[in-house]
Amino acid sequence: ISIIGNGVVVDPWALLEEIKEINSKGVKVDIENFIIS
């Protein structure tokens, strides 16, 4: 389980782009393994 805590500042567009990028390399990112505070 991977988590972004409340102390992190999040660019939502950059985050979605990063998720898309890593998905393209075969790494799953979904509600089962990823949480944002």
All heavy atoms as atom14 arrays in JSON, in Angstrom:
{
  "sequence": "ISIIGNGVVVDPWALLEEIKEINSKGVKVDIENFIIS",
  "atom14_mask": [
    [1, 1, 1, 1, 1, 1, 1, 1, 0, 0, 0, 0, 0, 0],
    [1, 1, 1, 1, 1, 1, 0, 0, 0, 0, 0, 0, 0, 0],
    [1, 1, 1, 1, 1, 1, 1, 1, 0, 0, 0, 0, 0, 0],
    [1, 1, 1, 1, 1, 1, 1, 1, 0, 0, 0, 0, 0, 0],
    [1, 1, 1, 1, 0, 0, 0, 0, 0, 0, 0, 0, 0, 0],
    [1, 1, 1, 1, 1, 1, 1, 1, 0, 0, 0, 0, 0, 0],
    [1, 1, 1, 1, 0, 0, 0, 0, 0, 0, 0, 0, 0, 0],
    [1, 1, 1, 1, 1, 1, 1, 0, 0, 0, 0, 0, 0, 0],
    [1, 1, 1, 1, 1, 1, 1, 0, 0, 0, 0, 0, 0, 0],
    [1, 1, 1, 1, 1, 1, 1, 0, 0, 0, 0, 0, 0, 0],
    [1, 1, 1, 1, 1, 1, 1, 1, 0, 0, 0, 0, 0, 0],
    [1, 1, 1, 1, 1, 1, 1, 0, 0, 0, 0, 0, 0, 0],
    [1, 1, 1, 1, 1, 1, 1, 1, 1, 1, 1, 1, 1, 1],
    [1, 1, 1, 1, 1, 0, 0, 0, 0, 0, 0, 0, 0, 0],
    [1, 1, 1, 1, 1, 1, 1, 1, 0, 0, 0, 0, 0, 0],
    [1, 1, 1, 1, 1, 1, 1, 1, 0, 0, 0, 0, 0, 0],
    [1, 1, 1, 1, 1, 1, 1, 1, 1, 0, 0, 0, 0, 0],
    [1, 1, 1, 1, 1, 1, 1, 1, 1, 0, 0, 0, 0, 0],
    [1, 1, 1, 1, 1, 1, 1, 1, 0, 0, 0, 0, 0, 0],
    [1, 1, 1, 1, 1, 1, 1, 1, 1, 0, 0, 0, 0, 0],
    [1, 1, 1, 1, 1, 1, 1, 1, 1, 0, 0, 0, 0, 0],
    [1, 1, 1, 1, 1, 1, 1, 1, 0, 0, 0, 0, 0, 0],
    [1, 1, 1, 1, 1, 1, 1, 1, 0, 0, 0, 0, 0, 0],
    [1, 1, 1, 1, 1, 1, 0, 0, 0, 0, 0, 0, 0, 0],
    [1, 1, 1, 1, 1, 1, 1, 1, 1, 0, 0, 0, 0, 0],
    [1, 1, 1, 1, 0, 0, 0, 0, 0, 0, 0, 0, 0, 0],
    [1, 1, 1, 1, 1, 1, 1, 0, 0, 0, 0, 0, 0, 0],
    [1, 1, 1, 1, 1, 1, 1, 1, 1, 0, 0, 0, 0, 0],
    [1, 1, 1, 1, 1, 1, 1, 0, 0, 0, 0, 0, 0, 0],
    [1, 1, 1, 1, 1, 1, 1, 1, 0, 0, 0, 0, 0, 0],
    [1, 1, 1, 1, 1, 1, 1, 1, 0, 0, 0, 0, 0, 0],
    [1, 1, 1, 1, 1, 1, 1, 1, 1, 0, 0, 0, 0, 0],
    [1, 1, 1, 1, 1, 1, 1, 1, 0, 0, 0, 0, 0, 0],
    [1, 1, 1, 1, 1, 1, 1, 1, 1, 1, 1, 0, 0, 0],
    [1, 1, 1, 1, 1, 1, 1, 1, 0, 0, 0, 0, 0, 0],
    [1, 1, 1, 1, 1, 1, 1, 1, 0, 0, 0, 0, 0, 0],
    [1, 1, 1, 1, 1, 1, 0, 0, 0, 0, 0, 0, 0, 0]
  ],
  "atom14_positions": [
    [[0.85, -1.18, 0.0], [0.0, 0.0, 0.0], [0.89, 1.23, 0.0], [1.77, 1.38, 0.84], [-0.93, 0.01, 1.23], [-1.87, -1.21, 1.17], [-1.74, 1.31, 1.28], [-2.69, -1.4, 2.41], [0.0, 0.0, 0.0], [0.0, 0.0, 0.0], [0.0, 0.0, 0.0], [0.0, 0.0, 0.0], [0.0, 0.0, 0.0], [0.0, 0.0, 0.0]],
    [[0.67, 2.12, -0.96], [1.44, 3.36, -1.06], [0.54, 4.54, -0.72], [-0.61, 4.6, -1.16], [2.01, 3.54, -2.48], [2.99, 2.56, -2.75], [0.0, 0.0, 0.0], [0.0, 0.0, 0.0], [0.0, 0.0, 0.0], [0.0, 0.0, 0.0], [0.0, 0.0, 0.0], [0.0, 0.0, 0.0], [0.0, 0.0, 0.0], [0.0, 0.0, 0.0]],
    [[1.08, 5.48, 0.07], [0.27, 6.58, 0.6], [0.99, 7.92, 0.42], [2.19, 8.02, 0.65], [-0.03, 6.37, 2.1], [-0.84, 5.07, 2.3], [-0.79, 7.56, 2.67], [-1.11, 4.74, 3.76], [0.0, 0.0, 0.0], [0.0, 0.0, 0.0], [0.0, 0.0, 0.0], [0.0, 0.0, 0.0], [0.0, 0.0, 0.0], [0.0, 0.0, 0.0]],
    [[0.25, 8.94, 0.03], [0.71, 10.32, 0.06], [0.09, 10.98, 1.28], [-1.14, 11.09, 1.38], [0.32, 11.08, -1.22], [1.11, 10.54, -2.42], [0.57, 12.57, -1.06], [0.74, 11.17, -3.75], [0.0, 0.0, 0.0], [0.0, 0.0, 0.0], [0.0, 0.0, 0.0], [0.0, 0.0, 0.0], [0.0, 0.0, 0.0], [0.0, 0.0, 0.0]],
    [[0.94, 11.41, 2.24], [0.45, 11.96, 3.49], [0.04, 13.42, 3.39], [0.24, 14.09, 2.37], [0.0, 0.0, 0.0], [0.0, 0.0, 0.0], [0.0, 0.0, 0.0], [0.0, 0.0, 0.0], [0.0, 0.0, 0.0], [0.0, 0.0, 0.0], [0.0, 0.0, 0.0], [0.0, 0.0, 0.0], [0.0, 0.0, 0.0], [0.0, 0.0, 0.0]],
    [[-0.51, 13.92, 4.48], [-1.0, 15.3, 4.53], [0.13, 16.33, 4.44], [-0.12, 17.49, 4.1], [-1.77, 15.54, 5.82], [-0.96, 15.24, 7.06], [-0.93, 14.09, 7.5], [-0.29, 16.23, 7.64], [0.0, 0.0, 0.0], [0.0, 0.0, 0.0], [0.0, 0.0, 0.0], [0.0, 0.0, 0.0], [0.0, 0.0, 0.0], [0.0, 0.0, 0.0]],
    [[1.37, 15.93, 4.73], [2.49, 16.86, 4.66], [2.99, 17.12, 3.25], [3.84, 18.0, 3.04], [0.0, 0.0, 0.0], [0.0, 0.0, 0.0], [0.0, 0.0, 0.0], [0.0, 0.0, 0.0], [0.0, 0.0, 0.0], [0.0, 0.0, 0.0], [0.0, 0.0, 0.0], [0.0, 0.0, 0.0], [0.0, 0.0, 0.0], [0.0, 0.0, 0.0]],
    [[2.48, 16.37, 2.28], [2.87, 16.53, 0.89], [1.96, 17.55, 0.21], [0.76, 17.59, 0.47], [2.78, 15.18, 0.14], [3.17, 15.33, -1.33], [3.67, 14.13, 0.82], [0.0, 0.0, 0.0], [0.0, 0.0, 0.0], [0.0, 0.0, 0.0], [0.0, 0.0, 0.0], [0.0, 0.0, 0.0], [0.0, 0.0, 0.0], [0.0, 0.0, 0.0]],
    [[2.53, 18.38, -0.65], [1.71, 19.26, -1.5], [1.58, 18.58, -2.87], [2.57, 18.15, -3.45], [2.29, 20.68, -1.62], [2.07, 21.44, -0.34], [3.76, 20.67, -1.98], [0.0, 0.0, 0.0], [0.0, 0.0, 0.0], [0.0, 0.0, 0.0], [0.0, 0.0, 0.0], [0.0, 0.0, 0.0], [0.0, 0.0, 0.0], [0.0, 0.0, 0.0]],
    [[0.34, 18.51, -3.36], [0.03, 17.66, -4.51], [-0.43, 18.49, -5.7], [-1.43, 19.22, -5.61], [-1.06, 16.63, -4.16], [-1.42, 15.79, -5.39], [-0.61, 15.73, -3.01], [0.0, 0.0, 0.0], [0.0, 0.0, 0.0], [0.0, 0.0, 0.0], [0.0, 0.0, 0.0], [0.0, 0.0, 0.0], [0.0, 0.0, 0.0], [0.0, 0.0, 0.0]],
    [[0.28, 18.4, -6.8], [-0.2, 18.93, -8.08], [-1.08, 17.83, -8.67], [-0.57, 16.79, -9.11], [0.98, 19.24, -9.0], [0.55, 19.83, -10.34], [-0.51, 19.41, -10.86], [1.28, 20.68, -10.9], [0.0, 0.0, 0.0], [0.0, 0.0, 0.0], [0.0, 0.0, 0.0], [0.0, 0.0, 0.0], [0.0, 0.0, 0.0], [0.0, 0.0, 0.0]],
    [[-2.4, 18.01, -8.69], [-3.28, 16.91, -9.11], [-3.09, 16.49, -10.55], [-3.2, 15.3, -10.88], [-4.68, 17.46, -8.86], [-4.52, 18.96, -8.89], [-3.17, 19.24, -8.34], [0.0, 0.0, 0.0], [0.0, 0.0, 0.0], [0.0, 0.0, 0.0], [0.0, 0.0, 0.0], [0.0, 0.0, 0.0], [0.0, 0.0, 0.0], [0.0, 0.0, 0.0]],
    [[-2.8, 17.45, -11.44], [-2.58, 17.12, -12.84], [-1.27, 16.35, -13.02], [-1.21, 15.38, -13.76], [-2.57, 18.39, -13.69], [-3.88, 19.09, -13.7], [-4.97, 18.79, -14.48], [-4.3, 20.17, -12.85], [-6.01, 19.63, -14.2], [-5.63, 20.51, -13.21], [-3.66, 20.91, -11.87], [-6.33, 21.53, -12.6], [-4.37, 21.93, -11.25], [-5.68, 22.24, -11.62]],
    [[-0.24, 16.76, -12.3], [1.05, 16.06, -12.35], [0.91, 14.64, -11.81], [1.5, 13.7, -12.33], [2.11, 16.83, -11.57], [0.0, 0.0, 0.0], [0.0, 0.0, 0.0], [0.0, 0.0, 0.0], [0.0, 0.0, 0.0], [0.0, 0.0, 0.0], [0.0, 0.0, 0.0], [0.0, 0.0, 0.0], [0.0, 0.0, 0.0], [0.0, 0.0, 0.0]],
    [[0.12, 14.48, -10.76], [-0.1, 13.16, -10.17], [-0.79, 12.23, -11.16], [-0.36, 11.08, -11.35], [-0.93, 13.27, -8.89], [-1.33, 11.94, -8.25], [-0.12, 11.13, -7.85], [-2.25, 12.18, -7.04], [0.0, 0.0, 0.0], [0.0, 0.0, 0.0], [0.0, 0.0, 0.0], [0.0, 0.0, 0.0], [0.0, 0.0, 0.0], [0.0, 0.0, 0.0]],
    [[-1.85, 12.71, -11.79], [-2.58, 11.87, -12.74], [-1.71, 11.5, -13.93], [-1.79, 10.38, -14.46], [-3.85, 12.58, -13.2], [-4.92, 12.79, -12.12], [-6.09, 13.59, -12.67], [-5.39, 11.45, -11.56], [0.0, 0.0, 0.0], [0.0, 0.0, 0.0], [0.0, 0.0, 0.0], [0.0, 0.0, 0.0], [0.0, 0.0, 0.0], [0.0, 0.0, 0.0]],
    [[-0.86, 12.42, -14.36], [0.05, 12.14, -15.46], [1.08, 11.09, -15.05], [1.43, 10.2, -15.84], [0.77, 13.42, -15.89], [1.66, 13.26, -17.13], [0.91, 12.83, -18.36], [-0.28, 13.22, -18.54], [1.52, 12.07, -19.16], [0.0, 0.0, 0.0], [0.0, 0.0, 0.0], [0.0, 0.0, 0.0], [0.0, 0.0, 0.0], [0.0, 0.0, 0.0]],
    [[1.57, 11.17, -13.82], [2.54, 10.2, -13.32], [1.92, 8.81, -13.21], [2.55, 7.8, -13.53], [3.1, 10.65, -11.97], [4.25, 9.79, -11.47], [4.91, 10.37, -10.22], [4.77, 11.57, -9.97], [5.57, 9.61, -9.5], [0.0, 0.0, 0.0], [0.0, 0.0, 0.0], [0.0, 0.0, 0.0], [0.0, 0.0, 0.0], [0.0, 0.0, 0.0]],
    [[0.67, 8.75, -12.75], [-0.04, 7.48, -12.67], [-0.2, 6.87, -14.05], [0.02, 5.67, -14.26], [-1.41, 7.67, -11.98], [-1.23, 7.99, -10.51], [-2.27, 6.41, -12.15], [-2.51, 8.36, -9.78], [0.0, 0.0, 0.0], [0.0, 0.0, 0.0], [0.0, 0.0, 0.0], [0.0, 0.0, 0.0], [0.0, 0.0, 0.0], [0.0, 0.0, 0.0]],
    [[-0.57, 7.72, -15.01], [-0.71, 7.25, -16.39], [0.61, 6.7, -16.93], [0.65, 5.66, -17.59], [-1.2, 8.41, -17.27], [-1.42, 8.04, -18.74], [-1.89, 9.26, -19.52], [-2.06, 8.93, -21.01], [-2.47, 10.16, -21.76], [0.0, 0.0, 0.0], [0.0, 0.0, 0.0], [0.0, 0.0, 0.0], [0.0, 0.0, 0.0], [0.0, 0.0, 0.0]],
    [[1.69, 7.43, -16.64], [3.02, 7.04, -17.11], [3.45, 5.69, -16.55], [3.95, 4.83, -17.27], [4.03, 8.12, -16.73], [5.46, 7.85, -17.18], [6.41, 8.92, -16.7], [5.99, 10.1, -16.61], [7.56, 8.59, -16.38], [0.0, 0.0, 0.0], [0.0, 0.0, 0.0], [0.0, 0.0, 0.0], [0.0, 0.0, 0.0], [0.0, 0.0, 0.0]],
    [[3.24, 5.51, -15.25], [3.7, 4.27, -14.62], [2.77, 3.1, -14.97], [3.21, 1.95, -15.05], [3.87, 4.45, -13.09], [4.81, 3.37, -12.55], [2.54, 4.45, -12.35], [5.36, 3.67, -11.19], [0.0, 0.0, 0.0], [0.0, 0.0, 0.0], [0.0, 0.0, 0.0], [0.0, 0.0, 0.0], [0.0, 0.0, 0.0], [0.0, 0.0, 0.0]],
    [[1.5, 3.39, -15.21], [0.59, 2.35, -15.7], [1.06, 1.8, -17.04], [0.95, 0.6, -17.31], [-0.82, 2.9, -15.84], [-1.57, 2.97, -14.52], [-1.23, 2.29, -13.56], [-2.61, 3.78, -14.46], [0.0, 0.0, 0.0], [0.0, 0.0, 0.0], [0.0, 0.0, 0.0], [0.0, 0.0, 0.0], [0.0, 0.0, 0.0], [0.0, 0.0, 0.0]],
    [[1.6, 2.69, -17.89], [2.07, 2.27, -19.21], [3.26, 1.32, -19.13], [3.57, 0.63, -20.09], [2.44, 3.5, -20.05], [3.63, 4.11, -19.58], [0.0, 0.0, 0.0], [0.0, 0.0, 0.0], [0.0, 0.0, 0.0], [0.0, 0.0, 0.0], [0.0, 0.0, 0.0], [0.0, 0.0, 0.0], [0.0, 0.0, 0.0], [0.0, 0.0, 0.0]],
    [[3.94, 1.31, -17.96], [5.07, 0.4, -17.77], [4.67, -0.85, -17.01], [5.52, -1.6, -16.53], [6.2, 1.12, -17.04], [6.81, 2.26, -17.85], [8.05, 2.83, -17.19], [8.69, 3.88, -18.1], [9.97, 4.4, -17.53], [0.0, 0.0, 0.0], [0.0, 0.0, 0.0], [0.0, 0.0, 0.0], [0.0, 0.0, 0.0], [0.0, 0.0, 0.0]],
    [[3.37, -1.06, -16.9], [2.87, -2.29, -16.31], [2.69, -2.27, -14.81], [2.46, -3.32, -14.19], [0.0, 0.0, 0.0], [0.0, 0.0, 0.0], [0.0, 0.0, 0.0], [0.0, 0.0, 0.0], [0.0, 0.0, 0.0], [0.0, 0.0, 0.0], [0.0, 0.0, 0.0], [0.0, 0.0, 0.0], [0.0, 0.0, 0.0], [0.0, 0.0, 0.0]],
    [[2.78, -1.1, -14.2], [2.6, -0.98, -12.75], [1.18, -0.52, -12.44], [0.73, 0.52, -12.91], [3.61, 0.01, -12.14], [3.37, 0.18, -10.63], [5.04, -0.46, -12.38], [0.0, 0.0, 0.0], [0.0, 0.0, 0.0], [0.0, 0.0, 0.0], [0.0, 0.0, 0.0], [0.0, 0.0, 0.0], [0.0, 0.0, 0.0], [0.0, 0.0, 0.0]],
    [[0.47, -1.29, -11.65], [-0.92, -0.99, -11.31], [-1.0, 0.07, -10.22], [-0.31, -0.01, -9.22], [-1.63, -2.26, -10.84], [-3.1, -2.09, -10.49], [-3.7, -3.34, -9.91], [-3.19, -3.59, -8.49], [-3.93, -4.69, -7.81], [0.0, 0.0, 0.0], [0.0, 0.0, 0.0], [0.0, 0.0, 0.0], [0.0, 0.0, 0.0], [0.0, 0.0, 0.0]],
    [[-1.82, 1.07, -10.42], [-2.12, 2.07, -9.4], [-3.64, 2.2, -9.31], [-4.29, 2.68, -10.25], [-1.5, 3.45, -9.72], [-1.83, 4.45, -8.61], [0.0, 3.35, -9.92], [0.0, 0.0, 0.0], [0.0, 0.0, 0.0], [0.0, 0.0, 0.0], [0.0, 0.0, 0.0], [0.0, 0.0, 0.0], [0.0, 0.0, 0.0], [0.0, 0.0, 0.0]],
    [[-4.23, 1.73, -8.23], [-5.68, 1.81, -8.07], [-6.01, 2.0, -6.59], [-5.12, 2.14, -5.75], [-6.39, 0.58, -8.65], [-5.91, -0.73, -8.01], [-5.47, -0.73, -6.83], [-6.0, -1.78, -8.68], [0.0, 0.0, 0.0], [0.0, 0.0, 0.0], [0.0, 0.0, 0.0], [0.0, 0.0, 0.0], [0.0, 0.0, 0.0], [0.0, 0.0, 0.0]],
    [[-7.31, 1.99, -6.26], [-7.74, 2.25, -4.88], [-7.32, 1.15, -3.91], [-7.41, 1.33, -2.69], [-9.25, 2.49, -4.8], [-10.03, 1.27, -5.31], [-9.64, 3.74, -5.6], [-11.54, 1.38, -5.09], [0.0, 0.0, 0.0], [0.0, 0.0, 0.0], [0.0, 0.0, 0.0], [0.0, 0.0, 0.0], [0.0, 0.0, 0.0], [0.0, 0.0, 0.0]],
    [[-6.9, 0.02, -4.43], [-6.47, -1.08, -3.58], [-5.05, -0.88, -3.04], [-4.72, -1.37, -1.96], [-6.55, -2.42, -4.33], [-7.94, -2.79, -4.8], [-8.91, -2.98, -3.64], [-8.48, -3.55, -2.61], [-10.07, -2.55, -3.77], [0.0, 0.0, 0.0], [0.0, 0.0, 0.0], [0.0, 0.0, 0.0], [0.0, 0.0, 0.0], [0.0, 0.0, 0.0]],
    [[-4.2, -0.16, -3.81], [-2.81, -0.02, -3.38], [-2.33, 1.42, -3.24], [-1.15, 1.65, -2.98], [-1.89, -0.79, -4.34], [-1.78, -0.15, -5.72], [-2.62, 0.65, -6.14], [-0.74, -0.53, -6.45], [0.0, 0.0, 0.0], [0.0, 0.0, 0.0], [0.0, 0.0, 0.0], [0.0, 0.0, 0.0], [0.0, 0.0, 0.0], [0.0, 0.0, 0.0]],
    [[-3.24, 2.4, -3.42], [-2.81, 3.79, -3.37], [-3.84, 4.66, -2.65], [-5.03, 4.57, -2.91], [-2.59, 4.31, -4.78], [-2.13, 5.75, -4.85], [-1.02, 6.18, -4.14], [-2.82, 6.68, -5.63], [-0.61, 7.49, -4.2], [-2.41, 7.99, -5.7], [-1.31, 8.41, -4.98], [0.0, 0.0, 0.0], [0.0, 0.0, 0.0], [0.0, 0.0, 0.0]],
    [[-3.33, 5.49, -1.72], [-4.17, 6.38, -0.92], [-3.54, 7.78, -0.9], [-2.34, 7.93, -0.8], [-4.29, 5.87, 0.54], [-4.98, 4.5, 0.58], [-5.05, 6.88, 1.41], [-4.91, 3.83, 1.95], [0.0, 0.0, 0.0], [0.0, 0.0, 0.0], [0.0, 0.0, 0.0], [0.0, 0.0, 0.0], [0.0, 0.0, 0.0], [0.0, 0.0, 0.0]],
    [[-4.41, 8.82, -0.99], [-4.0, 10.2, -0.81], [-4.7, 10.74, 0.43], [-5.91, 10.55, 0.59], [-4.38, 11.09, -2.01], [-3.85, 10.54, -3.31], [-3.84, 12.51, -1.81], [-4.39, 11.28, -4.54], [0.0, 0.0, 0.0], [0.0, 0.0, 0.0], [0.0, 0.0, 0.0], [0.0, 0.0, 0.0], [0.0, 0.0, 0.0], [0.0, 0.0, 0.0]],
    [[-3.97, 11.42, 1.29], [-4.6, 12.04, 2.44], [-5.62, 13.08, 2.0], [-5.34, 13.93, 1.14], [-3.56, 12.71, 3.33], [-4.18, 13.5, 4.33], [0.0, 0.0, 0.0], [0.0, 0.0, 0.0], [0.0, 0.0, 0.0], [0.0, 0.0, 0.0], [0.0, 0.0, 0.0], [0.0, 0.0, 0.0], [0.0, 0.0, 0.0], [0.0, 0.0, 0.0]]
  ]
}
